[in-house]
Amino acid sequence: MRAERDEDEIRPQRAKPQRRLAYEIALGIILGGSGLWLLQVLTSLIAAKFMLQQLQLHLPG
């Protein structure tokens, strides 16, 4: 004996994919990556400035 599906049952509809969420995630990744890159550049510049101050070249002249 097989069970038969009732025709009156309402199946839940699958939610449509939300493009806005995907755009927000992509924007977050881009902004986060840019922020980390900028932080790395600033850190490198400060380190380079510190090293150049410690390095004193005495040129003959």
PDB file of N, CA and C in Angstrom:
ATOM      1  N   MET A   1       0.839  -1.175   0.000  1.00  0.00           N
ATOM      2  CA  MET A   1       0.000   0.000   0.000  1.00  0.00           C
ATOM      3  C   MET A   1       0.889   1.244   0.000  1.00  0.00           C
ATOM      4  N   ARG A   2       0.617   2.168  -0.911  1.00  0.00           N
ATOM      5  CA  ARG A   2       1.420   3.380  -1.020  1.00  0.00           C
ATOM      6  C   ARG A   2       0.653   4.558  -0.451  1.00  0.00           C
ATOM      7  N   ALA A   3       1.378   5.430   0.191  1.00  0.00           N
ATOM      8  CA  ALA A   3       0.756   6.648   0.715  1.00  0.00           C
ATOM      9  C   ALA A   3       0.584   7.626  -0.438  1.00  0.00           C
ATOM     10  N   GLU A   4      -0.537   8.276  -0.470  1.00  0.00           N
ATOM     11  CA  GLU A   4      -0.795   9.272  -1.502  1.00  0.00           C
ATOM     12  C   GLU A   4      -0.785  10.646  -0.875  1.00  0.00           C
ATOM     13  N   ARG A   5      -0.213  11.576  -1.607  1.00  0.00           N
ATOM     14  CA  ARG A   5      -0.112  12.942  -1.128  1.00  0.00           C
ATOM     15  C   ARG A   5      -1.466  13.636  -1.268  1.00  0.00           C
ATOM     16  N   ASP A   6      -1.835  14.370  -0.249  1.00  0.00           N
ATOM     17  CA  ASP A   6      -3.073  15.154  -0.332  1.00  0.00           C
ATOM     18  C   ASP A   6      -2.851  16.336  -1.261  1.00  0.00           C
ATOM     19  N   GLU A   7      -3.776  16.554  -2.133  1.00  0.00           N
ATOM     20  CA  GLU A   7      -3.660  17.671  -3.071  1.00  0.00           C
ATOM     21  C   GLU A   7      -3.924  19.009  -2.397  1.00  0.00           C
ATOM     22  N   ASP A   8      -4.555  18.980  -1.251  1.00  0.00           N
ATOM     23  CA  ASP A   8      -4.883  20.231  -0.567  1.00  0.00           C
ATOM     24  C   ASP A   8      -3.708  20.777   0.241  1.00  0.00           C
ATOM     25  N   GLU A   9      -2.674  19.975   0.414  1.00  0.00           N
ATOM     26  CA  GLU A   9      -1.520  20.442   1.195  1.00  0.00           C
ATOM     27  C   GLU A   9      -0.810  21.562   0.451  1.00  0.00           C
ATOM     28  N   ILE A  10      -0.432  22.563   1.198  1.00  0.00           N
ATOM     29  CA  ILE A  10       0.312  23.684   0.615  1.00  0.00           C
ATOM     30  C   ILE A  10       1.781  23.476   0.935  1.00  0.00           C
ATOM     31  N   ARG A  11       2.571  23.394  -0.107  1.00  0.00           N
ATOM     32  CA  ARG A  11       4.004  23.220   0.095  1.00  0.00           C
ATOM     33  C   ARG A  11       4.639  24.586   0.348  1.00  0.00           C
ATOM     34  N   PRO A  12       5.597  24.627   1.227  1.00  0.00           N
ATOM     35  CA  PRO A  12       6.285  25.910   1.440  1.00  0.00           C
ATOM     36  C   PRO A  12       7.072  26.307   0.193  1.00  0.00           C
ATOM     37  N   GLN A  13       6.976  27.564  -0.169  1.00  0.00           N
ATOM     38  CA  GLN A  13       7.678  28.072  -1.345  1.00  0.00           C
ATOM     39  C   GLN A  13       9.134  28.352  -0.977  1.00  0.00           C
ATOM     40  N   ARG A  14      10.013  28.036  -1.890  1.00  0.00           N
ATOM     41  CA  ARG A  14      11.429  28.346  -1.674  1.00  0.00           C
ATOM     42  C   ARG A  14      11.621  29.853  -1.829  1.00  0.00           C
ATOM     43  N   ALA A  15      12.333  30.442  -0.892  1.00  0.00           N
ATOM     44  CA  ALA A  15      12.575  31.885  -0.952  1.00  0.00           C
ATOM     45  C   ALA A  15      13.480  32.204  -2.142  1.00  0.00           C
ATOM     46  N   LYS A  16      13.191  33.291  -2.791  1.00  0.00           N
ATOM     47  CA  LYS A  16      14.013  33.722  -3.922  1.00  0.00           C
ATOM     48  C   LYS A  16      15.359  34.210  -3.390  1.00  0.00           C
ATOM     49  N   PRO A  17      16.416  33.957  -4.123  1.00  0.00           N
ATOM     50  CA  PRO A  17      17.721  34.437  -3.655  1.00  0.00           C
ATOM     51  C   PRO A  17      17.744  35.964  -3.616  1.00  0.00           C
ATOM     52  N   GLN A  18      18.338  36.479  -2.579  1.00  0.00           N
ATOM     53  CA  GLN A  18      18.373  37.930  -2.425  1.00  0.00           C
ATOM     54  C   GLN A  18      19.691  38.460  -2.970  1.00  0.00           C
ATOM     55  N   ARG A  19      19.592  39.221  -4.024  1.00  0.00           N
ATOM     56  CA  ARG A  19      20.797  39.790  -4.629  1.00  0.00           C
ATOM     57  C   ARG A  19      21.428  40.827  -3.719  1.00  0.00           C
ATOM     58  N   ARG A  20      20.607  41.536  -2.967  1.00  0.00           N
ATOM     59  CA  ARG A  20      21.142  42.593  -2.121  1.00  0.00           C
ATOM     60  C   ARG A  20      22.119  42.022  -1.102  1.00  0.00           C
ATOM     61  N   LEU A  21      21.801  40.874  -0.521  1.00  0.00           N
ATOM     62  CA  LEU A  21      22.683  40.252   0.451  1.00  0.00           C
ATOM     63  C   LEU A  21      24.027  39.909  -0.191  1.00  0.00           C
ATOM     64  N   ALA A  22      23.997  39.391  -1.400  1.00  0.00           N
ATOM     65  CA  ALA A  22      25.245  39.058  -2.092  1.00  0.00           C
ATOM     66  C   ALA A  22      26.071  40.317  -2.350  1.00  0.00           C
ATOM     67  N   TYR A  23      25.410  41.401  -2.735  1.00  0.00           N
ATOM     68  CA  TYR A  23      26.130  42.659  -2.960  1.00  0.00           C
ATOM     69  C   TYR A  23      26.719  43.194  -1.662  1.00  0.00           C
ATOM     70  N   GLU A  24      25.983  43.077  -0.566  1.00  0.00           N
ATOM     71  CA  GLU A  24      26.492  43.555   0.716  1.00  0.00           C
ATOM     72  C   GLU A  24      27.697  42.729   1.157  1.00  0.00           C
ATOM     73  N   ILE A  25      27.644  41.434   0.932  1.00  0.00           N
ATOM     74  CA  ILE A  25      28.791  40.585   1.291  1.00  0.00           C
ATOM     75  C   ILE A  25      29.997  40.944   0.434  1.00  0.00           C
ATOM     76  N   ALA A  26      29.781  41.107  -0.867  1.00  0.00           N
ATOM     77  CA  ALA A  26      30.886  41.467  -1.765  1.00  0.00           C
ATOM     78  C   ALA A  26      31.474  42.828  -1.382  1.00  0.00           C
ATOM     79  N   LEU A  27      30.617  43.778  -1.058  1.00  0.00           N
ATOM     80  CA  LEU A  27      31.090  45.099  -0.658  1.00  0.00           C
ATOM     81  C   LEU A  27      31.883  45.011   0.635  1.00  0.00           C
ATOM     82  N   GLY A  28      31.437  44.198   1.572  1.00  0.00           N
ATOM     83  CA  GLY A  28      32.160  44.016   2.824  1.00  0.00           C
ATOM     84  C   GLY A  28      33.534  43.410   2.604  1.00  0.00           C
ATOM     85  N   ILE A  29      33.612  42.445   1.687  1.00  0.00           N
ATOM     86  CA  ILE A  29      34.905  41.825   1.390  1.00  0.00           C
ATOM     87  C   ILE A  29      35.847  42.845   0.753  1.00  0.00           C
ATOM     88  N   ILE A  30      35.318  43.632  -0.178  1.00  0.00           N
ATOM     89  CA  ILE A  30      36.148  44.629  -0.864  1.00  0.00           C
ATOM     90  C   ILE A  30      36.621  45.702   0.113  1.00  0.00           C
ATOM     91  N   LEU A  31      35.703  46.229   0.921  1.00  0.00           N
ATOM     92  CA  LEU A  31      36.082  47.277   1.872  1.00  0.00           C
ATOM     93  C   LEU A  31      37.017  46.740   2.948  1.00  0.00           C
ATOM     94  N   GLY A  32      36.752  45.532   3.416  1.00  0.00           N
ATOM     95  CA  GLY A  32      37.632  44.934   4.419  1.00  0.00           C
ATOM     96  C   GLY A  32      39.032  44.700   3.882  1.00  0.00           C
ATOM     97  N   GLY A  33      39.119  44.186   2.666  1.00  0.00           N
ATOM     98  CA  GLY A  33      40.425  43.969   2.045  1.00  0.00           C
ATOM     99  C   GLY A  33      41.168  45.271   1.806  1.00  0.00           C
ATOM    100  N   SER A  34      40.439  46.285   1.375  1.00  0.00           N
ATOM    101  CA  SER A  34      41.063  47.593   1.153  1.00  0.00           C
ATOM    102  C   SER A  34      41.556  48.187   2.468  1.00  0.00           C
ATOM    103  N   GLY A  35      40.773  48.033   3.507  1.00  0.00           N
ATOM    104  CA  GLY A  35      41.175  48.543   4.821  1.00  0.00           C
ATOM    105  C   GLY A  35      42.418  47.840   5.343  1.00  0.00           C
ATOM    106  N   LEU A  36      42.468  46.521   5.193  1.00  0.00           N
ATOM    107  CA  LEU A  36      43.655  45.779   5.633  1.00  0.00           C
ATOM    108  C   LEU A  36      44.875  46.151   4.799  1.00  0.00           C
ATOM    109  N   TRP A  37      44.683  46.340   3.498  1.00  0.00           N
ATOM    110  CA  TRP A  37      45.788  46.743   2.638  1.00  0.00           C
ATOM    111  C   TRP A  37      46.322  48.112   3.056  1.00  0.00           C
ATOM    112  N   LEU A  38      45.415  49.053   3.333  1.00  0.00           N
ATOM    113  CA  LEU A  38      45.820  50.393   3.750  1.00  0.00           C
ATOM    114  C   LEU A  38      46.565  50.339   5.079  1.00  0.00           C
ATOM    115  N   LEU A  39      46.109  49.522   5.993  1.00  0.00           N
ATOM    116  CA  LEU A  39      46.785  49.359   7.277  1.00  0.00           C
ATOM    117  C   LEU A  39      48.194  48.806   7.083  1.00  0.00           C
ATOM    118  N   GLN A  40      48.347  47.861   6.177  1.00  0.00           N
ATOM    119  CA  GLN A  40      49.664  47.301   5.901  1.00  0.00           C
ATOM    120  C   GLN A  40      50.590  48.353   5.295  1.00  0.00           C
ATOM    121  N   VAL A  41      50.067  49.159   4.379  1.00  0.00           N
ATOM    122  CA  VAL A  41      50.883  50.198   3.744  1.00  0.00           C
ATOM    123  C   VAL A  41      51.344  51.213   4.785  1.00  0.00           C
ATOM    124  N   LEU A  42      50.430  51.657   5.634  1.00  0.00           N
ATOM    125  CA  LEU A  42      50.799  52.636   6.653  1.00  0.00           C
ATOM    126  C   LEU A  42      51.826  52.062   7.627  1.00  0.00           C
ATOM    127  N   THR A  43      51.655  50.812   8.015  1.00  0.00           N
ATOM    128  CA  THR A  43      52.616  50.166   8.909  1.00  0.00           C
ATOM    129  C   THR A  43      53.984  50.060   8.251  1.00  0.00           C
ATOM    130  N   SER A  44      53.995  49.722   6.976  1.00  0.00           N
ATOM    131  CA  SER A  44      55.266  49.619   6.251  1.00  0.00           C
ATOM    132  C   SER A  44      55.943  50.977   6.138  1.00  0.00           C
ATOM    133  N   LEU A  45      55.172  52.026   5.890  1.00  0.00           N
ATOM    134  CA  LEU A  45      55.753  53.366   5.792  1.00  0.00           C
ATOM    135  C   LEU A  45      56.351  53.810   7.119  1.00  0.00           C
ATOM    136  N   ILE A  46      55.655  53.541   8.206  1.00  0.00           N
ATOM    137  CA  ILE A  46      56.173  53.919   9.518  1.00  0.00           C
ATOM    138  C   ILE A  46      57.442  53.128   9.831  1.00  0.00           C
ATOM    139  N   ALA A  47      57.446  51.835   9.522  1.00  0.00           N
ATOM    140  CA  ALA A  47      58.635  51.014   9.760  1.00  0.00           C
ATOM    141  C   ALA A  47      59.803  51.494   8.905  1.00  0.00           C
ATOM    142  N   ALA A  48      59.540  51.834   7.654  1.00  0.00           N
ATOM    143  CA  ALA A  48      60.604  52.320   6.768  1.00  0.00           C
ATOM    144  C   ALA A  48      61.161  53.645   7.278  1.00  0.00           C
ATOM    145  N   LYS A  49      60.300  54.535   7.724  1.00  0.00           N
ATOM    146  CA  LYS A  49      60.751  55.825   8.258  1.00  0.00           C
ATOM    147  C   LYS A  49      61.610  55.612   9.499  1.00  0.00           C
ATOM    148  N   PHE A  50      61.188  54.704  10.370  1.00  0.00           N
ATOM    149  CA  PHE A  50      61.951  54.413  11.575  1.00  0.00           C
ATOM    150  C   PHE A  50      63.317  53.836  11.231  1.00  0.00           C
ATOM    151  N   MET A  51      63.352  52.905  10.259  1.00  0.00           N
ATOM    152  CA  MET A  51      64.631  52.305   9.878  1.00  0.00           C
ATOM    153  C   MET A  51      65.542  53.325   9.219  1.00  0.00           C
ATOM    154  N   LEU A  52      64.997  54.229   8.419  1.00  0.00           N
ATOM    155  CA  LEU A  52      65.835  55.242   7.768  1.00  0.00           C
ATOM    156  C   LEU A  52      66.390  56.229   8.780  1.00  0.00           C
ATOM    157  N   GLN A  53      65.644  56.492   9.841  1.00  0.00           N
ATOM    158  CA  GLN A  53      66.155  57.385  10.880  1.00  0.00           C
ATOM    159  C   GLN A  53      67.285  56.717  11.652  1.00  0.00           C
ATOM    160  N   GLN A  54      67.192  55.408  11.840  1.00  0.00           N
ATOM    161  CA  GLN A  54      68.236  54.678  12.557  1.00  0.00           C
ATOM    162  C   GLN A  54      69.497  54.497  11.715  1.00  0.00           C
ATOM    163  N   LEU A  55      69.316  54.495  10.409  1.00  0.00           N
ATOM    164  CA  LEU A  55      70.434  54.306   9.501  1.00  0.00           C
ATOM    165  C   LEU A  55      70.992  55.657   9.133  1.00  0.00           C
ATOM    166  N   GLN A  56      72.179  55.944   9.623  1.00  0.00           N
ATOM    167  CA  GLN A  56      72.774  57.235   9.304  1.00  0.00           C
ATOM    168  C   GLN A  56      73.956  56.994   8.378  1.00  0.00           C
ATOM    169  N   LEU A  57      73.838  57.499   7.199  1.00  0.00           N
ATOM    170  CA  LEU A  57      74.902  57.323   6.222  1.00  0.00           C
ATOM    171  C   LEU A  57      75.857  58.487   6.337  1.00  0.00           C
ATOM    172  N   HIS A  58      77.129  58.159   6.438  1.00  0.00           N
ATOM    173  CA  HIS A  58      78.165  59.186   6.490  1.00  0.00           C
ATOM    174  C   HIS A  58      78.903  59.132   5.164  1.00  0.00           C
ATOM    175  N   LEU A  59      78.522  60.036   4.313  1.00  0.00           N
ATOM    176  CA  LEU A  59      79.148  60.063   3.000  1.00  0.00           C
ATOM    177  C   LEU A  59      80.394  60.949   3.066  1.00  0.00           C
ATOM    178  N   PRO A  60      81.440  60.534   2.433  1.00  0.00           N
ATOM    179  CA  PRO A  60      82.634  61.394   2.419  1.00  0.00           C
ATOM    180  C   PRO A  60      82.353  62.635   1.588  1.00  0.00           C
ATOM    181  N   GLY A  61      82.781  63.757   2.087  1.00  0.00           N
ATOM    182  CA  GLY A  61      82.478  64.923   1.289  1.00  0.00           C
ATOM    183  C   GLY A  61      83.026  66.121   1.792  1.00  0.00           C
TER     184      GLY A  61
END
